Amino acid sequence: MLSVAEEEHLRIRASESKREAARVLLRVMQLREALYRECRAFVNETCDSEEDLTLVERAYRDAVGHGRLAQLSEGYALAWSIDDSQLQTPLWRLAHAAVEFLSSRELLYTRECAGAPCGWLFIDRSKNGSRRWCASEECGNRERARRHRARQR
């Protein structure tokens, strides 16, 4: 979500303003967790938390006020400028991406990894929509090995 130059700029800014950086980091983590719970509730067809949705929405409303429309050679895009006071830029980008994702068709293809105790969410882009694990080479292998050991017993 950040270029290398933006990351370095924010790293310097955060070292100069540790208290503000810690506050923004906490808000980013809260937004990330609220987004995870919203997506997980959608995937598992359970009731989502109004509090989580409100947190995502509030962060998005704040973010929209800081974005701008930039003209590119291939059209237009939402752009975020970083100046010396904008430690919140990653939060704004995350909030915008979260609302874009929650309101997209991609949400319909979101699955929860079947590998215990993983719990990661992923987008299933397989041809027949039958992917079960976030990463076949990790969670899938563990699950296949577990089933193999159970059969051997």
N, C-alpha and C. Protein backbone atom coordinates (compact mmCIF):
# COMPACT_ATOMS: atom_id res chain seq x y z
N MET A 1 0.81 -1.20 0.00
CA MET A 1 0.00 0.00 0.00
C MET A 1 0.85 1.26 0.00
N LEU A 2 2.15 1.11 0.25
CA LEU A 2 3.05 2.26 0.26
C LEU A 2 4.25 1.99 -0.62
N SER A 3 4.74 3.03 -1.26
CA SER A 3 5.98 2.89 -2.01
C SER A 3 7.14 2.86 -1.01
N VAL A 4 8.30 2.48 -1.49
CA VAL A 4 9.47 2.44 -0.62
C VAL A 4 9.78 3.84 -0.09
N ALA A 5 9.66 4.85 -0.94
CA ALA A 5 9.93 6.22 -0.53
C ALA A 5 8.91 6.69 0.52
N GLU A 6 7.65 6.35 0.31
CA GLU A 6 6.61 6.72 1.29
C GLU A 6 6.85 6.02 2.62
N GLU A 7 7.22 4.75 2.56
CA GLU A 7 7.49 4.00 3.78
C GLU A 7 8.64 4.63 4.56
N GLU A 8 9.70 4.99 3.86
CA GLU A 8 10.85 5.60 4.52
C GLU A 8 10.47 6.95 5.13
N HIS A 9 9.70 7.74 4.40
CA HIS A 9 9.24 9.05 4.90
C HIS A 9 8.43 8.86 6.17
N LEU A 10 7.51 7.90 6.16
CA LEU A 10 6.67 7.66 7.33
C LEU A 10 7.47 7.09 8.50
N ARG A 11 8.47 6.28 8.20
CA ARG A 11 9.31 5.71 9.26
C ARG A 11 10.05 6.85 9.99
N ILE A 12 10.58 7.80 9.23
CA ILE A 12 11.27 8.94 9.83
C ILE A 12 10.29 9.77 10.64
N ARG A 13 9.13 10.05 10.06
CA ARG A 13 8.09 10.85 10.74
C ARG A 13 7.65 10.16 12.04
N ALA A 14 7.50 8.84 11.99
CA ALA A 14 7.07 8.09 13.18
C ALA A 14 8.12 8.15 14.27
N SER A 15 9.39 8.11 13.89
CA SER A 15 10.45 8.18 14.90
C SER A 15 10.50 9.56 15.56
N GLU A 16 10.03 10.57 14.85
CA GLU A 16 9.99 11.93 15.41
C GLU A 16 8.77 12.17 16.28
N SER A 17 7.73 11.38 16.05
CA SER A 17 6.48 11.57 16.79
C SER A 17 5.95 10.20 17.24
N LYS A 18 6.65 9.61 18.18
CA LYS A 18 6.35 8.24 18.61
C LYS A 18 4.93 8.09 19.18
N ARG A 19 4.47 9.04 19.93
CA ARG A 19 3.14 8.95 20.54
C ARG A 19 2.04 8.93 19.46
N GLU A 20 2.15 9.84 18.51
CA GLU A 20 1.16 9.87 17.43
C GLU A 20 1.25 8.60 16.59
N ALA A 21 2.46 8.14 16.32
CA ALA A 21 2.64 6.92 15.53
C ALA A 21 2.00 5.72 16.23
N ALA A 22 2.17 5.63 17.55
CA ALA A 22 1.58 4.53 18.32
C ALA A 22 0.06 4.60 18.26
N ARG A 23 -0.49 5.81 18.33
CA ARG A 23 -1.95 5.99 18.26
C ARG A 23 -2.48 5.56 16.90
N VAL A 24 -1.78 5.95 15.83
CA VAL A 24 -2.21 5.57 14.48
C VAL A 24 -2.08 4.06 14.29
N LEU A 25 -0.99 3.48 14.77
CA LEU A 25 -0.81 2.03 14.66
C LEU A 25 -1.94 1.29 15.36
N LEU A 26 -2.34 1.74 16.52
CA LEU A 26 -3.46 1.12 17.23
C LEU A 26 -4.73 1.20 16.39
N ARG A 27 -4.99 2.34 15.78
CA ARG A 27 -6.19 2.49 14.94
C ARG A 27 -6.13 1.57 13.72
N VAL A 28 -4.94 1.42 13.13
CA VAL A 28 -4.78 0.51 11.99
C VAL A 28 -5.08 -0.92 12.41
N MET A 29 -4.57 -1.33 13.56
CA MET A 29 -4.81 -2.69 14.04
C MET A 29 -6.29 -2.91 14.37
N GLN A 30 -6.93 -1.91 14.96
CA GLN A 30 -8.36 -2.02 15.25
C GLN A 30 -9.17 -2.15 13.96
N LEU A 31 -8.80 -1.37 12.95
CA LEU A 31 -9.49 -1.45 11.66
C LEU A 31 -9.26 -2.81 11.02
N ARG A 32 -8.04 -3.29 11.07
CA ARG A 32 -7.72 -4.61 10.49
C ARG A 32 -8.54 -5.71 11.17
N GLU A 33 -8.62 -5.67 12.49
CA GLU A 33 -9.37 -6.69 13.21
C GLU A 33 -10.88 -6.58 12.94
N ALA A 34 -11.40 -5.37 12.86
CA ALA A 34 -12.82 -5.19 12.55
C ALA A 34 -13.12 -5.71 11.15
N LEU A 35 -12.24 -5.44 10.21
CA LEU A 35 -12.42 -5.93 8.84
C LEU A 35 -12.39 -7.46 8.82
N TYR A 36 -11.46 -8.06 9.55
CA TYR A 36 -11.38 -9.52 9.63
C TYR A 36 -12.69 -10.10 10.18
N ARG A 37 -13.19 -9.52 11.27
CA ARG A 37 -14.43 -10.04 11.86
C ARG A 37 -15.61 -9.86 10.92
N GLU A 38 -15.68 -8.75 10.20
CA GLU A 38 -16.76 -8.53 9.24
C GLU A 38 -16.71 -9.57 8.13
N CYS A 39 -15.54 -9.78 7.57
CA CYS A 39 -15.40 -10.76 6.48
C CYS A 39 -15.68 -12.17 6.97
N ARG A 40 -15.19 -12.50 8.14
CA ARG A 40 -15.41 -13.84 8.70
C ARG A 40 -16.89 -14.07 8.96
N ALA A 41 -17.58 -13.06 9.46
CA ALA A 41 -19.02 -13.19 9.69
C ALA A 41 -19.74 -13.40 8.37
N PHE A 42 -19.32 -12.71 7.33
CA PHE A 42 -19.93 -12.88 6.01
C PHE A 42 -19.69 -14.30 5.50
N VAL A 43 -18.46 -14.76 5.57
CA VAL A 43 -18.09 -16.09 5.08
C VAL A 43 -18.87 -17.18 5.83
N ASN A 44 -18.96 -17.05 7.13
CA ASN A 44 -19.62 -18.07 7.95
C ASN A 44 -21.12 -17.85 8.12
N GLU A 45 -21.62 -16.82 7.44
CA GLU A 45 -23.05 -16.48 7.48
C GLU A 45 -23.56 -16.34 8.90
N THR A 46 -22.77 -15.62 9.69
CA THR A 46 -23.18 -15.32 11.06
C THR A 46 -23.45 -13.82 11.16
N CYS A 47 -23.99 -13.43 12.26
CA CYS A 47 -24.32 -12.03 12.48
C CYS A 47 -23.04 -11.22 12.66
N ASP A 48 -22.94 -10.14 11.92
CA ASP A 48 -21.77 -9.29 12.07
C ASP A 48 -22.02 -8.25 13.15
N SER A 49 -20.97 -7.65 13.61
CA SER A 49 -21.05 -6.66 14.68
C SER A 49 -21.31 -5.28 14.10
N GLU A 50 -22.34 -4.65 14.56
CA GLU A 50 -22.63 -3.28 14.14
C GLU A 50 -21.48 -2.36 14.53
N GLU A 51 -20.84 -2.66 15.64
CA GLU A 51 -19.71 -1.87 16.11
C GLU A 51 -18.54 -1.94 15.12
N ASP A 52 -18.26 -3.15 14.60
CA ASP A 52 -17.18 -3.31 13.63
C ASP A 52 -17.49 -2.56 12.34
N LEU A 53 -18.71 -2.69 11.87
CA LEU A 53 -19.09 -2.01 10.64
C LEU A 53 -18.99 -0.49 10.82
N THR A 54 -19.40 -0.01 11.96
CA THR A 54 -19.31 1.43 12.25
C THR A 54 -17.86 1.89 12.27
N LEU A 55 -16.97 1.07 12.85
CA LEU A 55 -15.55 1.42 12.89
C LEU A 55 -14.98 1.53 11.48
N VAL A 56 -15.30 0.56 10.61
CA VAL A 56 -14.83 0.58 9.22
C VAL A 56 -15.40 1.80 8.50
N GLU A 57 -16.66 2.04 8.67
CA GLU A 57 -17.32 3.16 8.00
C GLU A 57 -16.75 4.50 8.46
N ARG A 58 -16.52 4.66 9.75
CA ARG A 58 -15.97 5.91 10.29
C ARG A 58 -14.56 6.16 9.73
N ALA A 59 -13.75 5.11 9.68
CA ALA A 59 -12.39 5.25 9.14
C ALA A 59 -12.44 5.61 7.66
N TYR A 60 -13.40 5.03 6.95
CA TYR A 60 -13.55 5.33 5.52
C TYR A 60 -13.96 6.78 5.31
N ARG A 61 -14.93 7.24 6.09
CA ARG A 61 -15.37 8.64 5.94
C ARG A 61 -14.22 9.61 6.20
N ASP A 62 -13.40 9.31 7.18
CA ASP A 62 -12.24 10.14 7.45
C ASP A 62 -11.26 10.09 6.29
N ALA A 63 -11.06 8.91 5.73
CA ALA A 63 -10.11 8.73 4.62
C ALA A 63 -10.52 9.49 3.38
N VAL A 64 -11.79 9.44 3.03
CA VAL A 64 -12.26 10.04 1.80
C VAL A 64 -11.93 11.53 1.75
N GLY A 65 -11.96 12.17 2.88
CA GLY A 65 -11.63 13.60 2.94
C GLY A 65 -10.18 13.91 2.64
N HIS A 66 -9.33 12.89 2.62
CA HIS A 66 -7.90 13.11 2.39
C HIS A 66 -7.42 12.59 1.05
N GLY A 67 -8.28 11.95 0.31
CA GLY A 67 -7.91 11.47 -1.02
C GLY A 67 -8.15 12.56 -2.05
N ARG A 68 -7.57 12.38 -3.20
CA ARG A 68 -7.81 13.32 -4.30
C ARG A 68 -7.83 12.53 -5.60
N LEU A 69 -8.51 13.09 -6.58
CA LEU A 69 -8.58 12.46 -7.89
C LEU A 69 -7.38 12.89 -8.70
N ALA A 70 -6.61 11.93 -9.16
CA ALA A 70 -5.40 12.22 -9.94
C ALA A 70 -5.59 11.72 -11.37
N GLN A 71 -5.17 12.53 -12.32
CA GLN A 71 -5.27 12.12 -13.72
C GLN A 71 -4.02 11.34 -14.10
N LEU A 72 -4.24 10.18 -14.69
CA LEU A 72 -3.15 9.33 -15.17
C LEU A 72 -3.25 9.23 -16.68
N SER A 73 -2.25 8.66 -17.31
CA SER A 73 -2.29 8.52 -18.77
C SER A 73 -3.43 7.59 -19.21
N GLU A 74 -3.78 6.61 -18.35
CA GLU A 74 -4.85 5.66 -18.70
C GLU A 74 -6.19 6.00 -18.05
N GLY A 75 -6.32 7.16 -17.46
CA GLY A 75 -7.59 7.54 -16.84
C GLY A 75 -7.37 8.29 -15.54
N TYR A 76 -8.14 7.93 -14.53
CA TYR A 76 -8.08 8.59 -13.24
C TYR A 76 -7.93 7.57 -12.12
N ALA A 77 -7.40 8.01 -11.02
CA ALA A 77 -7.25 7.14 -9.85
C ALA A 77 -7.32 7.98 -8.59
N LEU A 78 -7.71 7.33 -7.52
CA LEU A 78 -7.68 7.99 -6.22
C LEU A 78 -6.24 8.02 -5.75
N ALA A 79 -5.78 9.18 -5.37
CA ALA A 79 -4.39 9.33 -4.93
C ALA A 79 -4.36 9.88 -3.52
N TRP A 80 -3.30 9.55 -2.82
CA TRP A 80 -3.11 10.00 -1.44
C TRP A 80 -1.77 10.68 -1.38
N SER A 81 -1.75 11.89 -0.94
CA SER A 81 -0.47 12.57 -0.82
C SER A 81 0.02 12.44 0.62
N ILE A 82 1.31 12.31 0.73
CA ILE A 82 1.92 12.24 2.06
C ILE A 82 2.69 13.54 2.26
N ASP A 83 2.32 14.25 3.28
CA ASP A 83 3.14 15.39 3.67
C ASP A 83 3.66 15.12 5.07
N ASP A 84 4.35 16.07 5.62
CA ASP A 84 5.03 15.83 6.90
C ASP A 84 4.12 15.50 8.06
N SER A 85 2.83 15.78 7.93
CA SER A 85 1.94 15.56 9.08
C SER A 85 1.01 14.36 8.91
N GLN A 86 1.21 13.57 7.88
CA GLN A 86 0.22 12.54 7.56
C GLN A 86 0.64 11.13 7.92
N LEU A 87 0.85 10.87 9.18
CA LEU A 87 1.12 9.50 9.62
C LEU A 87 -0.09 8.61 9.40
N GLN A 88 -1.25 9.20 9.20
CA GLN A 88 -2.48 8.43 9.04
C GLN A 88 -2.68 7.92 7.61
N THR A 89 -1.79 8.25 6.70
CA THR A 89 -1.97 7.82 5.31
C THR A 89 -2.18 6.31 5.18
N PRO A 90 -1.39 5.46 5.84
CA PRO A 90 -1.67 4.02 5.73
C PRO A 90 -3.07 3.65 6.23
N LEU A 91 -3.52 4.30 7.29
CA LEU A 91 -4.87 4.06 7.81
C LEU A 91 -5.91 4.44 6.76
N TRP A 92 -5.74 5.58 6.12
CA TRP A 92 -6.69 6.02 5.10
C TRP A 92 -6.71 5.05 3.93
N ARG A 93 -5.55 4.62 3.50
CA ARG A 93 -5.49 3.68 2.37
C ARG A 93 -6.14 2.36 2.73
N LEU A 94 -5.90 1.88 3.94
CA LEU A 94 -6.51 0.64 4.38
C LEU A 94 -8.03 0.77 4.46
N ALA A 95 -8.50 1.88 5.02
CA ALA A 95 -9.95 2.09 5.14
C ALA A 95 -10.61 2.14 3.76
N HIS A 96 -9.98 2.82 2.83
CA HIS A 96 -10.53 2.89 1.48
C HIS A 96 -10.54 1.52 0.82
N ALA A 97 -9.45 0.79 0.94
CA ALA A 97 -9.36 -0.55 0.35
C ALA A 97 -10.38 -1.49 1.00
N ALA A 98 -10.59 -1.34 2.31
CA ALA A 98 -11.54 -2.20 3.02
C ALA A 98 -12.96 -2.00 2.48
N VAL A 99 -13.37 -0.75 2.32
CA VAL A 99 -14.72 -0.49 1.82
C VAL A 99 -14.85 -0.92 0.36
N GLU A 100 -13.80 -0.70 -0.43
CA GLU A 100 -13.83 -1.18 -1.82
C GLU A 100 -14.02 -2.69 -1.85
N PHE A 101 -13.27 -3.40 -0.99
CA PHE A 101 -13.38 -4.86 -0.95
C PHE A 101 -14.75 -5.32 -0.47
N LEU A 102 -15.22 -4.74 0.64
CA LEU A 102 -16.51 -5.16 1.20
C LEU A 102 -17.67 -4.90 0.24
N SER A 103 -17.52 -3.92 -0.64
CA SER A 103 -18.59 -3.60 -1.57
C SER A 103 -18.35 -4.20 -2.96
N SER A 104 -17.36 -5.07 -3.08
CA SER A 104 -17.05 -5.68 -4.38
C SER A 104 -17.57 -7.12 -4.45
N ARG A 105 -17.54 -7.67 -5.63
CA ARG A 105 -17.93 -9.07 -5.83
C ARG A 105 -16.87 -10.03 -5.26
N GLU A 106 -15.66 -9.53 -5.04
CA GLU A 106 -14.59 -10.36 -4.47
C GLU A 106 -15.00 -10.94 -3.12
N LEU A 107 -15.81 -10.20 -2.39
CA LEU A 107 -16.26 -10.68 -1.08
C LEU A 107 -16.99 -12.01 -1.22
N LEU A 108 -17.70 -12.20 -2.32
CA LEU A 108 -18.45 -13.45 -2.54
C LEU A 108 -17.54 -14.66 -2.67
N TYR A 109 -16.28 -14.43 -3.01
CA TYR A 109 -15.33 -15.53 -3.21
C TYR A 109 -14.38 -15.69 -2.02
N THR A 110 -14.69 -15.01 -0.93
CA THR A 110 -13.86 -15.09 0.26
C THR A 110 -14.18 -16.37 1.02
N ARG A 111 -13.15 -17.06 1.44
CA ARG A 111 -13.30 -18.31 2.19
C ARG A 111 -12.41 -18.25 3.43
N GLU A 112 -12.72 -19.12 4.39
CA GLU A 112 -11.86 -19.27 5.56
C GLU A 112 -11.08 -20.56 5.40
N CYS A 113 -9.80 -20.51 5.70
CA CYS A 113 -8.93 -21.67 5.55
C CYS A 113 -9.45 -22.82 6.41
N ALA A 114 -9.50 -24.01 5.82
CA ALA A 114 -9.98 -25.20 6.52
C ALA A 114 -8.89 -25.84 7.37
N GLY A 115 -7.68 -25.34 7.28
CA GLY A 115 -6.58 -25.88 8.07
C GLY A 115 -6.65 -25.38 9.50
N ALA A 116 -6.76 -26.31 10.43
CA ALA A 116 -6.82 -25.91 11.85
C ALA A 116 -5.39 -25.73 12.34
N PRO A 117 -5.10 -24.78 13.11
CA PRO A 117 -5.92 -23.68 13.63
C PRO A 117 -5.71 -22.39 12.86
N CYS A 118 -5.57 -22.42 11.57
CA CYS A 118 -5.17 -21.26 10.76
C CYS A 118 -6.12 -20.07 10.92
N GLY A 119 -7.32 -20.17 10.38
CA GLY A 119 -8.27 -19.07 10.50
C GLY A 119 -8.07 -17.93 9.51
N TRP A 120 -7.10 -18.04 8.62
CA TRP A 120 -6.89 -16.99 7.63
C TRP A 120 -8.04 -16.97 6.64
N LEU A 121 -8.28 -15.82 6.08
CA LEU A 121 -9.26 -15.67 5.02
C LEU A 121 -8.52 -15.51 3.70
N PHE A 122 -9.11 -15.99 2.63
CA PHE A 122 -8.50 -15.86 1.31
C PHE A 122 -9.59 -15.74 0.26
N ILE A 123 -9.21 -15.28 -0.92
CA ILE A 123 -10.15 -15.17 -2.03
C ILE A 123 -9.92 -16.39 -2.92
N ASP A 124 -10.98 -17.16 -3.11
CA ASP A 124 -10.91 -18.38 -3.91
C ASP A 124 -11.15 -18.04 -5.37
N ARG A 125 -10.07 -18.01 -6.13
CA ARG A 125 -10.17 -17.73 -7.56
C ARG A 125 -9.99 -19.00 -8.39
N SER A 126 -10.13 -20.16 -7.74
CA SER A 126 -10.00 -21.41 -8.49
C SER A 126 -11.17 -21.55 -9.46
N LYS A 127 -10.94 -22.34 -10.49
CA LYS A 127 -11.93 -22.48 -11.56
C LYS A 127 -13.29 -22.94 -11.05
N ASN A 128 -13.31 -23.92 -10.17
CA ASN A 128 -14.59 -24.45 -9.68
C ASN A 128 -14.95 -23.97 -8.27
N GLY A 129 -14.16 -23.04 -7.72
CA GLY A 129 -14.48 -22.48 -6.40
C GLY A 129 -14.38 -23.47 -5.26
N SER A 130 -13.46 -24.42 -5.36
CA SER A 130 -13.39 -25.47 -4.33
C SER A 130 -12.11 -25.42 -3.49
N ARG A 131 -11.39 -24.34 -3.57
CA ARG A 131 -10.16 -24.23 -2.78
C ARG A 131 -10.49 -24.26 -1.29
N ARG A 132 -9.70 -25.00 -0.51
CA ARG A 132 -9.99 -25.17 0.91
C ARG A 132 -9.00 -24.50 1.83
N TRP A 133 -7.78 -24.26 1.36
CA TRP A 133 -6.73 -23.76 2.24
C TRP A 133 -6.18 -22.43 1.73
N CYS A 134 -5.68 -21.63 2.66
CA CYS A 134 -5.08 -20.35 2.28
C CYS A 134 -3.83 -20.61 1.44
N ALA A 135 -3.08 -21.66 1.79
CA ALA A 135 -1.88 -22.04 1.04
C ALA A 135 -1.78 -23.56 1.07
N SER A 136 -1.90 -24.17 -0.08
CA SER A 136 -1.87 -25.63 -0.16
C SER A 136 -0.56 -26.20 0.36
N GLU A 137 0.55 -25.49 0.08
CA GLU A 137 1.86 -25.99 0.50
C GLU A 137 2.09 -25.90 2.00
N GLU A 138 1.27 -25.15 2.71
CA GLU A 138 1.42 -25.07 4.16
C GLU A 138 0.23 -25.73 4.85
N CYS A 139 -0.89 -25.04 4.89
CA CYS A 139 -2.06 -25.59 5.58
C CYS A 139 -2.56 -26.87 4.92
N GLY A 140 -2.54 -26.90 3.60
CA GLY A 140 -2.99 -28.09 2.89
C GLY A 140 -2.10 -29.29 3.19
N ASN A 141 -0.79 -29.10 3.15
CA ASN A 141 0.13 -30.20 3.46
C ASN A 141 -0.04 -30.69 4.89
N ARG A 142 -0.20 -29.76 5.83
CA ARG A 142 -0.41 -30.15 7.23
C ARG A 142 -1.67 -30.99 7.37
N GLU A 143 -2.74 -30.56 6.71
CA GLU A 143 -4.02 -31.28 6.80
C GLU A 143 -3.92 -32.66 6.14
N ARG A 144 -3.27 -32.74 4.98
CA ARG A 144 -3.09 -34.03 4.31
C ARG A 144 -2.23 -34.96 5.16
N ALA A 145 -1.18 -34.43 5.79
CA ALA A 145 -0.32 -35.25 6.65
C ALA A 145 -1.10 -35.73 7.87
N ARG A 146 -1.93 -34.87 8.43
CA ARG A 146 -2.75 -35.25 9.59
C ARG A 146 -3.70 -36.38 9.21
N ARG A 147 -4.36 -36.27 8.05
CA ARG A 147 -5.28 -37.33 7.61
C ARG A 147 -4.52 -38.63 7.32
N HIS A 148 -3.32 -38.53 6.74
CA HIS A 148 -2.51 -39.70 6.45
C HIS A 148 -2.13 -40.42 7.76
N ARG A 149 -1.70 -39.65 8.76
CA ARG A 149 -1.35 -40.26 10.06
C ARG A 149 -2.58 -40.93 10.68
N ALA A 150 -3.72 -40.31 10.56
CA ALA A 150 -4.96 -40.89 11.12
C ALA A 150 -5.29 -42.20 10.43
N ARG A 151 -5.11 -42.27 9.12
CA ARG A 151 -5.38 -43.52 8.37
C ARG A 151 -4.40 -44.60 8.76
N GLN A 152 -3.13 -44.24 9.00
CA GLN A 152 -2.11 -45.21 9.36
C GLN A 152 -2.37 -45.84 10.72
N ARG A 153 -2.99 -45.06 11.63
CA ARG A 153 -3.30 -45.59 12.96
C ARG A 153 -4.39 -46.60 12.82
